[in-house]
Amino acid sequence: MLYKLFLLILLNLPFSLLCSEVEIGGILLDNTRSRQGHEFFTAFSQLWRDVPNTNGHIVVINEIVIPRSGTRLTVNLNNKKIYVTHLGRRQTPVKPRVEQSVLILIEALAQSQLDQNNPDLATNGW
């Protein structure tokens, strides 16, 4: 009996330690299809790790492939479109567009935090 009790405590201990230490920040979802889209997402995700205060926010990168024209990438923050860019069929530099989209994302995150914490903006109209 004592052996079973000790084994039960031993098995539950690591699980309880892991549960108390897990902290999930914002979520970044990839919905790209092409090589350029994947390259954009990879560069974006590397910069996303350094963005502060992302808890509770969902960022989705969508891609629509346009035949014979290229691809259109959209960055959505909490179901709001914040950035749209077009990448042509030929290889175009992705890094400047990724940096621009992250800067716009940081500004949108700051604006959403301001809107939530501002007591001057009443939600009921009064």
Protein backbone atom coordinates (compact mmCIF):
# COMPACT_ATOMS: atom_id res chain seq x y z
CA MET A 1 0.00 0.00 0.00
CA LEU A 2 2.78 2.39 0.90
CA TYR A 3 4.58 1.51 -2.30
CA LYS A 4 1.50 2.37 -4.40
CA LEU A 5 1.05 5.68 -2.61
CA PHE A 6 4.70 6.59 -3.14
CA LEU A 7 4.46 5.66 -6.83
CA LEU A 8 1.30 7.73 -7.27
CA ILE A 9 2.92 10.80 -5.70
CA LEU A 10 6.08 10.31 -7.74
CA LEU A 11 4.14 10.13 -11.02
CA ASN A 12 1.99 13.18 -10.29
CA LEU A 13 4.82 15.38 -9.05
CA PRO A 14 6.43 16.15 -12.44
CA PHE A 15 3.01 16.80 -13.98
CA SER A 16 2.08 19.30 -11.27
CA LEU A 17 5.45 21.06 -11.61
CA LEU A 18 5.03 21.37 -15.36
CA CYS A 19 1.50 22.73 -15.05
CA SER A 20 2.56 25.52 -12.73
CA GLU A 21 5.41 26.68 -14.99
CA VAL A 22 3.66 26.71 -18.36
CA GLU A 23 2.91 30.21 -19.59
CA ILE A 24 1.46 30.70 -23.04
CA GLY A 25 1.93 34.01 -24.77
CA GLY A 26 0.26 35.08 -27.96
CA ILE A 27 -0.47 32.60 -30.70
CA LEU A 28 1.00 32.85 -34.18
CA LEU A 29 -0.73 30.75 -36.86
CA ASP A 30 0.63 29.93 -40.31
CA ASN A 31 -1.78 29.69 -43.23
CA THR A 32 0.73 30.04 -46.07
CA ARG A 33 1.07 27.78 -49.10
CA SER A 34 3.97 28.89 -51.28
CA ARG A 35 7.72 29.03 -50.75
CA GLN A 36 7.63 32.83 -50.47
CA GLY A 37 4.81 32.60 -47.95
CA HIS A 38 6.74 30.13 -45.83
CA GLU A 39 9.82 32.36 -46.03
CA PHE A 40 7.74 35.34 -44.88
CA PHE A 41 6.26 33.35 -42.00
CA THR A 42 9.66 32.04 -40.87
CA ALA A 43 11.17 35.53 -40.77
CA PHE A 44 8.03 36.90 -39.07
CA SER A 45 8.04 34.19 -36.41
CA GLN A 46 11.67 34.93 -35.54
CA LEU A 47 10.77 38.57 -34.88
CA TRP A 48 7.48 37.59 -33.17
CA ARG A 49 9.41 35.95 -30.32
CA ASP A 50 10.86 39.33 -29.33
CA VAL A 51 7.56 41.24 -29.33
CA PRO A 52 6.51 42.04 -25.74
CA ASN A 53 2.99 41.82 -24.25
CA THR A 54 1.52 39.31 -26.68
CA ASN A 55 -0.53 37.43 -24.07
CA GLY A 56 -4.08 36.84 -25.24
CA HIS A 57 -3.50 37.92 -28.85
CA ILE A 58 -3.83 35.76 -31.95
CA VAL A 59 -1.88 36.60 -35.09
CA VAL A 60 -2.71 34.75 -38.32
CA ILE A 61 -0.73 35.02 -41.54
CA ASN A 62 -2.96 34.15 -44.50
CA GLU A 63 -1.85 33.69 -48.08
CA ILE A 64 -3.85 33.80 -51.28
CA VAL A 65 -1.98 32.56 -54.33
CA ILE A 66 -2.94 34.55 -57.41
CA PRO A 67 -2.23 32.58 -60.61
CA ARG A 68 0.34 34.18 -62.95
CA SER A 69 0.63 37.16 -60.64
CA GLY A 70 2.18 36.06 -57.35
CA THR A 71 0.80 35.88 -53.86
CA ARG A 72 -1.00 38.16 -51.42
CA LEU A 73 -0.08 37.91 -47.74
CA THR A 74 -2.33 39.22 -45.00
CA VAL A 75 -1.46 39.62 -41.31
CA ASN A 76 -4.50 39.51 -39.00
CA LEU A 77 -4.48 40.46 -35.34
CA ASN A 78 -7.49 39.14 -33.40
CA ASN A 79 -9.51 38.82 -36.63
CA LYS A 80 -8.62 42.35 -37.77
CA LYS A 81 -6.62 42.85 -40.94
CA ILE A 82 -3.61 45.00 -40.08
CA TYR A 83 -1.17 44.41 -42.96
CA VAL A 84 -1.45 43.32 -46.59
CA THR A 85 1.38 42.88 -49.07
CA HIS A 86 1.82 41.45 -52.55
CA LEU A 87 4.79 39.32 -53.55
CA GLY A 88 5.34 38.86 -57.27
CA ARG A 89 6.19 35.62 -59.04
CA ARG A 90 9.86 36.47 -59.11
CA GLN A 91 11.93 36.27 -55.97
CA THR A 92 11.53 39.56 -54.12
CA PRO A 93 13.25 40.51 -50.85
CA VAL A 94 10.99 39.52 -47.97
CA LYS A 95 12.93 40.98 -45.04
CA PRO A 96 11.86 44.67 -45.46
CA ARG A 97 8.20 43.64 -45.69
CA VAL A 98 8.49 41.42 -42.63
CA GLU A 99 10.08 44.23 -40.62
CA GLN A 100 7.36 46.64 -41.74
CA SER A 101 4.61 44.17 -40.81
CA VAL A 102 6.12 43.59 -37.34
CA LEU A 103 6.31 47.34 -36.71
CA ILE A 104 2.66 47.71 -37.72
CA LEU A 105 1.81 44.74 -35.49
CA ILE A 106 3.54 46.34 -32.49
CA GLU A 107 1.62 49.55 -33.11
CA ALA A 108 -1.67 47.62 -33.37
CA LEU A 109 -0.90 45.74 -30.14
CA ALA A 110 -0.19 49.02 -28.35
CA GLN A 111 -3.41 50.53 -29.74
CA SER A 112 -5.47 47.53 -28.59
CA GLN A 113 -3.94 47.75 -25.09
CA LEU A 114 -4.72 51.48 -25.01
CA ASP A 115 -8.31 50.90 -26.06
CA GLN A 116 -8.84 48.26 -23.38
CA ASN A 117 -7.27 50.24 -20.52
CA ASN A 118 -8.59 53.71 -21.29
CA PRO A 119 -11.31 54.73 -18.81
CA ASP A 120 -12.34 57.65 -21.04
CA LEU A 121 -13.71 55.26 -23.65
CA ALA A 122 -16.99 53.97 -22.27
CA THR A 123 -18.29 50.73 -23.74
CA ASN A 124 -21.95 51.53 -23.15
CA GLY A 125 -21.93 55.00 -24.73
CA TRP A 126 -22.11 56.99 -21.45
